[in-house]
């Protein structure tokens, strides 16, 4: 696969991820945990069909015999799937997207303390500015009740994502099952996460009120917004370096805010724009410098 094609596919992945906010705003009666349940259920069904087609019955035998990293990653996926949709029902899509954009920096901190990866000065500076942006949003939303709770719920997504990435890094360095590749673990863990999310939210979703229109939209989210991009990004991990994937992944925030602005009339608040500018600026600067540094090292003759 050419680099240009890989980048184009990654942009497509972020575009698919970004439709959650605007689609959720067009639901008739499904709310909160019911939204999460149906999306996770449709995601699990789609992932099960796709992975069974690709791997056969060995997929299911592997799940029951898997070591702890696969299930730990699955729990993290479940938290991400659940907290993201619940947060979207409690606060604006812009607040949710800007908050989850802190994921790369939280991941860097986890890698530093749990995997002993050294962090450059630019990353610590980016963490400071990104933290200031989130603090600004929290401060402005503190008096708004549900909106603050929604932002707090959204913060579980980057935290779970950081733990998830740390676990996968732990496995990729030879601490997991030697017979399983990291991409394979990642796909199976996403399936486990979808199943766990659907199972946990089902009791909380009663009484089920989703209309046929709602089910169609939630099926769209489960299949198109989650299952398809999850499978694509696993493949792209073989083609693009992690810093480049992280940088391109930030497009989800921009796409998501534009979708809800144009498709649902949800104008971003000034606090979200200000905080989001700090967060995105810090992330883009950090990822760009990291990518430039890696390319520079690769060009140094041995």
Protein backbone atom coordinates (compact mmCIF):
# COMPACT_ATOMS: atom_id res chain seq x y z
CA UNK A 1 0.00 0.00 0.00
CA UNK A 2 1.37 3.42 -0.95
CA UNK A 3 1.79 6.09 1.72
CA UNK A 4 -0.68 8.38 -0.05
CA UNK A 5 -3.35 5.68 -0.08
CA UNK A 6 -2.73 4.88 3.59
CA UNK A 7 -3.14 8.55 4.54
CA UNK A 8 -6.33 8.78 2.48
CA UNK A 9 -7.76 5.74 4.27
CA UNK A 10 -6.84 7.20 7.67
CA UNK A 11 -8.68 10.39 6.76
CA UNK A 12 -11.67 8.21 5.85
CA UNK A 13 -11.41 6.49 9.26
CA UNK A 14 -11.58 9.84 11.10
CA UNK A 15 -14.50 10.92 8.92
CA UNK A 16 -16.43 7.78 9.87
CA UNK A 17 -15.58 8.16 13.56
CA UNK A 18 -16.76 11.78 13.53
CA UNK A 19 -20.41 11.13 12.58
CA UNK A 20 -21.47 9.94 16.05
CA UNK A 21 -22.40 13.39 17.36
CA UNK A 22 -24.57 14.53 14.47
CA UNK A 23 -26.31 11.14 14.11
CA UNK A 24 -27.11 11.05 17.84
CA UNK A 25 -28.78 14.46 17.61
CA UNK A 26 -31.34 13.05 15.14
CA UNK A 27 -32.60 10.23 17.37
CA UNK A 28 -36.31 10.27 18.20
CA UNK A 29 -36.66 8.68 21.62
CA UNK A 30 -33.58 6.59 22.47
CA UNK A 31 -31.48 8.21 25.18
CA UNK A 32 -28.35 7.68 27.26
CA UNK A 33 -27.70 4.02 28.09
CA UNK A 34 -30.16 2.75 25.47
CA UNK A 35 -28.18 4.60 22.78
CA UNK A 36 -24.99 2.98 24.05
CA UNK A 37 -26.58 -0.49 24.23
CA UNK A 38 -27.88 -0.53 20.66
CA UNK A 39 -24.70 0.95 19.16
CA UNK A 40 -22.50 -1.55 21.02
CA UNK A 41 -24.79 -4.45 20.10
CA UNK A 42 -24.74 -3.59 16.39
CA UNK A 43 -20.98 -3.07 16.60
CA UNK A 44 -20.51 -6.48 18.25
CA UNK A 45 -22.66 -8.21 15.62
CA UNK A 46 -20.76 -6.57 12.76
CA UNK A 47 -17.36 -7.31 14.31
CA UNK A 48 -18.35 -10.93 15.04
CA UNK A 49 -19.43 -11.53 11.45
CA UNK A 50 -16.36 -9.83 9.97
CA UNK A 51 -13.79 -11.49 12.24
CA UNK A 52 -15.43 -14.93 11.95
CA UNK A 53 -15.30 -14.58 8.17
CA UNK A 54 -11.60 -13.64 8.33
CA UNK A 55 -10.44 -16.03 11.06
CA UNK A 56 -13.04 -18.79 11.22
CA UNK A 57 -14.04 -20.56 14.43
CA UNK A 58 -10.49 -20.17 15.76
CA UNK A 59 -11.52 -16.62 16.72
CA UNK A 60 -13.93 -17.89 19.39
CA UNK A 61 -11.60 -20.60 20.65
CA UNK A 62 -8.88 -17.96 20.98
CA UNK A 63 -11.12 -15.67 23.04
CA UNK A 64 -11.72 -18.27 25.75
CA UNK A 65 -8.04 -19.25 25.88
CA UNK A 66 -6.70 -15.68 25.74
CA UNK A 67 -4.29 -14.25 28.30
CA UNK A 68 -5.04 -11.27 30.52
CA UNK A 69 -3.82 -8.49 28.16
CA UNK A 70 -6.55 -9.27 25.62
CA UNK A 71 -9.29 -9.06 28.25
CA UNK A 72 -7.77 -5.95 29.86
CA UNK A 73 -7.79 -4.30 26.47
CA UNK A 74 -11.38 -5.45 25.96
CA UNK A 75 -12.45 -3.79 29.21
CA UNK A 76 -10.80 -0.57 28.05
CA UNK A 77 -12.66 -0.74 24.75
CA UNK A 78 -15.91 -1.26 26.68
CA UNK A 79 -15.29 1.88 28.77
CA UNK A 80 -14.47 3.86 25.63
CA UNK A 81 -17.59 2.69 23.77
CA UNK A 82 -19.85 3.31 26.77
CA UNK A 83 -18.51 6.61 28.11
CA UNK A 84 -18.36 8.21 24.67
CA UNK A 85 -22.04 7.71 23.86
CA UNK A 86 -23.26 8.53 27.36
CA UNK A 87 -21.24 11.76 27.27
CA UNK A 88 -22.80 12.73 23.94
CA UNK A 89 -26.25 12.59 25.58
CA UNK A 90 -25.11 14.84 28.44
CA UNK A 91 -23.08 17.59 26.77
CA UNK A 92 -22.28 19.02 23.36
CA UNK A 93 -20.42 16.97 20.77
CA UNK A 94 -17.72 19.65 20.65
CA UNK A 95 -17.02 19.28 24.39
CA UNK A 96 -16.81 15.49 24.05
CA UNK A 97 -14.52 15.58 21.03
CA UNK A 98 -12.14 18.16 22.47
CA UNK A 99 -11.94 16.21 25.73
CA UNK A 100 -11.11 12.88 24.06
CA UNK A 101 -8.45 14.67 21.99
CA UNK A 102 -6.30 14.57 25.12
CA UNK A 103 -5.82 10.84 24.50
CA UNK A 104 -2.36 11.01 22.85
CA UNK A 105 -0.92 13.08 25.71
CA UNK A 106 -2.41 10.89 28.44
CA UNK A 107 -1.02 7.90 26.57
CA UNK A 108 2.42 9.50 26.57
CA UNK A 109 2.26 9.94 30.35
CA UNK A 110 1.17 6.31 30.85
CA UNK A 111 4.01 5.12 28.62
CA UNK A 112 6.43 7.20 30.63
CA UNK A 113 5.44 5.82 34.03
CA UNK A 114 4.47 2.24 33.17
CA UNK A 115 6.70 1.43 30.20
CA UNK A 116 9.57 3.76 31.12
CA UNK A 117 9.45 5.57 27.79
CA UNK A 118 11.30 8.88 27.93
CA UNK A 119 9.25 11.97 27.05
CA UNK A 120 10.85 14.94 25.26
CA UNK A 121 10.46 18.45 26.62
CA UNK A 122 8.01 19.39 23.84
CA UNK A 123 5.62 16.68 25.04
CA UNK A 124 5.65 18.00 28.61
CA UNK A 125 4.95 21.50 27.25
CA UNK A 126 2.11 20.12 25.15
CA UNK A 127 0.71 18.35 28.22
CA UNK A 128 0.74 21.64 30.12
CA UNK A 129 -1.08 23.55 27.37
CA UNK A 130 -3.52 20.73 26.70
CA UNK A 131 -4.28 20.46 30.41
CA UNK A 132 -4.87 24.19 30.55
CA UNK A 133 -7.36 23.91 27.71
CA UNK A 134 -9.32 21.16 29.44
CA UNK A 135 -9.17 23.05 32.75
CA UNK A 136 -10.62 26.11 31.00
CA UNK A 137 -13.51 24.03 29.64
CA UNK A 138 -14.16 22.43 33.04
CA UNK A 139 -14.09 25.81 34.75
CA UNK A 140 -16.56 27.37 32.34
CA UNK A 141 -18.88 24.35 32.48
CA UNK A 142 -18.75 23.91 36.27
CA UNK A 143 -21.94 25.85 36.82
CA UNK A 144 -23.93 24.04 34.16
CA UNK A 145 -24.59 20.74 35.95
CA UNK A 146 -25.24 18.10 33.31
CA UNK A 147 -22.80 19.65 30.87
CA UNK A 148 -20.01 19.38 33.44
CA UNK A 149 -21.00 15.77 34.16
CA UNK A 150 -20.92 15.09 30.43
CA UNK A 151 -17.41 16.49 30.09
CA UNK A 152 -16.30 14.49 33.11
CA UNK A 153 -17.79 11.33 31.57
CA UNK A 154 -16.04 12.07 28.28
CA UNK A 155 -12.70 12.23 30.12
CA UNK A 156 -13.01 8.49 30.80
CA UNK A 157 -12.53 7.87 27.07
CA UNK A 158 -8.94 9.18 26.72
CA UNK A 159 -8.04 7.63 30.08
CA UNK A 160 -9.27 4.18 29.00
CA UNK A 161 -7.64 4.66 25.59
CA UNK A 162 -4.30 5.46 27.25
CA UNK A 163 -4.46 2.32 29.40
CA UNK A 164 -5.50 0.30 26.37
CA UNK A 165 -2.55 1.53 24.30
CA UNK A 166 -0.16 0.85 27.20
CA UNK A 167 -1.42 -2.73 27.45
CA UNK A 168 -1.00 -3.25 23.70
CA UNK A 169 2.52 -1.82 23.87
CA UNK A 170 3.27 -4.19 26.75
CA UNK A 171 2.15 -7.13 24.58
CA UNK A 172 4.01 -5.94 21.49
CA UNK A 173 7.28 -5.90 23.44
CA UNK A 174 7.05 -9.64 24.02
CA UNK A 175 5.12 -9.78 27.28
CA UNK A 176 1.99 -11.35 25.82
CA UNK A 177 1.19 -14.55 24.02
CA UNK A 178 3.94 -15.11 21.44
CA UNK A 179 1.50 -16.86 19.11
CA UNK A 180 -0.70 -13.79 18.71
CA UNK A 181 0.21 -10.63 16.83
CA UNK A 182 -0.61 -7.18 18.21
CA UNK A 183 -3.13 -6.36 15.41
CA UNK A 184 -4.93 -9.66 16.07
CA UNK A 185 -5.19 -8.87 19.76
CA UNK A 186 -6.50 -5.41 18.98
CA UNK A 187 -9.32 -6.67 16.77
CA UNK A 188 -10.43 -9.38 19.17
CA UNK A 189 -10.28 -6.95 22.10
CA UNK A 190 -12.57 -4.51 20.26
CA UNK A 191 -15.11 -7.31 19.85
CA UNK A 192 -14.87 -8.15 23.56
CA UNK A 193 -15.33 -4.47 24.40
CA UNK A 194 -18.47 -4.21 22.29
CA UNK A 195 -19.96 -7.32 23.90
CA UNK A 196 -19.16 -6.09 27.42
CA UNK A 197 -20.56 -2.63 26.69
CA UNK A 198 -23.83 -4.09 25.37
CA UNK A 199 -24.14 -6.49 28.33
CA UNK A 200 -23.48 -3.82 30.98
CA UNK A 201 -25.78 -1.17 29.50
CA UNK A 202 -28.72 -3.47 28.71
CA UNK A 203 -30.16 -3.47 32.27
CA UNK A 204 -29.67 0.30 32.46
CA UNK A 205 -31.37 0.84 29.10
CA UNK A 206 -34.83 -0.31 30.23
CA UNK A 207 -37.47 0.53 29.26
CA UNK A 208 -36.37 0.32 25.62
CA UNK A 209 -37.95 3.18 23.70
CA UNK A 210 -36.00 3.26 20.43
CA UNK A 211 -38.16 3.69 17.35
CA UNK A 212 -37.49 2.01 14.02
CA UNK A 213 -35.86 5.24 12.89
CA UNK A 214 -33.62 5.20 15.96
CA UNK A 215 -32.59 1.59 15.39
CA UNK A 216 -31.61 2.36 11.82
CA UNK A 217 -29.41 5.26 12.94
CA UNK A 218 -27.86 3.25 15.78
CA UNK A 219 -27.14 0.37 13.40
CA UNK A 220 -25.40 2.91 11.18
CA UNK A 221 -23.26 3.97 14.14
CA UNK A 222 -22.47 0.42 15.22
CA UNK A 223 -21.43 -0.77 11.77
CA UNK A 224 -20.18 2.30 9.87
CA UNK A 225 -18.95 4.51 12.71
CA UNK A 226 -17.27 1.75 14.77
CA UNK A 227 -16.82 -1.69 13.20
CA UNK A 228 -15.60 -0.62 9.75
CA UNK A 229 -13.07 2.02 10.89
CA UNK A 230 -11.77 -0.29 13.65
CA UNK A 231 -10.90 -2.93 11.07
CA UNK A 232 -9.35 -0.38 8.71
CA UNK A 233 -7.17 1.28 11.34
CA UNK A 234 -5.74 -2.08 12.43
CA UNK A 235 -4.56 -2.61 8.85
CA UNK A 236 -3.17 0.94 8.63
CA UNK A 237 -1.08 0.38 11.76
CA UNK A 238 1.20 -1.71 9.54
CA UNK A 239 1.68 1.14 7.04
CA UNK A 240 1.79 4.42 9.02
CA UNK A 241 3.96 5.29 12.05
CA UNK A 242 2.10 5.82 15.30
CA UNK A 243 2.82 9.59 15.48
CA UNK A 244 1.36 10.08 12.01
CA UNK A 245 -1.75 8.07 12.88
CA UNK A 246 -2.20 10.14 16.06
CA UNK A 247 -1.83 13.38 14.14
CA UNK A 248 -4.31 12.35 11.45
CA UNK A 249 -6.67 11.07 14.15
CA UNK A 250 -7.14 14.63 15.39
CA UNK A 251 -9.20 15.28 12.27
CA UNK A 252 -12.04 13.47 14.07
CA UNK A 253 -12.39 16.45 16.40
CA UNK A 254 -12.58 18.96 13.55
CA UNK A 255 -14.91 16.82 11.43
CA UNK A 256 -17.17 16.09 14.41
CA UNK A 257 -17.60 19.74 15.39
CA UNK A 258 -18.34 20.71 11.78
CA UNK A 259 -20.87 17.85 11.38
CA UNK A 260 -22.87 18.86 14.48
CA UNK A 261 -22.64 22.54 13.57
CA UNK A 262 -23.94 22.04 10.02
CA UNK A 263 -26.14 18.97 10.55
CA UNK A 264 -27.66 19.64 13.97
CA UNK A 265 -27.32 23.40 14.49
CA UNK A 266 -25.09 22.87 17.53
CA UNK A 267 -22.89 25.96 17.63
CA UNK A 268 -19.74 25.42 19.73
CA UNK A 269 -19.60 27.50 22.92
CA UNK A 270 -16.84 30.09 23.27
CA UNK A 271 -15.31 28.10 26.15
CA UNK A 272 -15.15 25.01 23.94
CA UNK A 273 -13.54 26.96 21.11
CA UNK A 274 -10.97 28.49 23.45
CA UNK A 275 -10.18 25.25 25.25
CA UNK A 276 -10.24 23.30 22.03
CA UNK A 277 -7.78 25.68 20.41
CA UNK A 278 -5.29 25.09 23.23
CA UNK A 279 -5.78 21.32 23.18
CA UNK A 280 -5.57 20.91 19.41
CA UNK A 281 -2.70 23.38 19.11
CA UNK A 282 -0.71 21.51 21.75
CA UNK A 283 -1.44 18.13 20.20
CA UNK A 284 -0.65 19.16 16.64
CA UNK A 285 2.59 20.87 17.66
CA UNK A 286 3.70 17.87 19.72
CA UNK A 287 2.84 15.24 17.11
CA UNK A 288 4.36 17.29 14.28
CA UNK A 289 7.64 17.76 16.14
CA UNK A 290 7.73 14.07 17.07
CA UNK A 291 7.10 13.00 13.48
CA UNK A 292 9.76 15.41 12.16
CA UNK A 293 12.24 14.10 14.70
CA UNK A 294 11.61 10.48 13.70
CA UNK A 295 11.98 11.30 10.01
CA UNK A 296 15.20 13.19 10.72
CA UNK A 297 16.64 10.21 12.58
CA UNK A 298 15.63 7.89 9.73
CA UNK A 299 17.49 10.10 7.22
CA UNK A 300 20.77 10.08 9.18
CA UNK A 301 23.20 7.76 7.37
CA UNK A 302 24.51 4.87 9.40
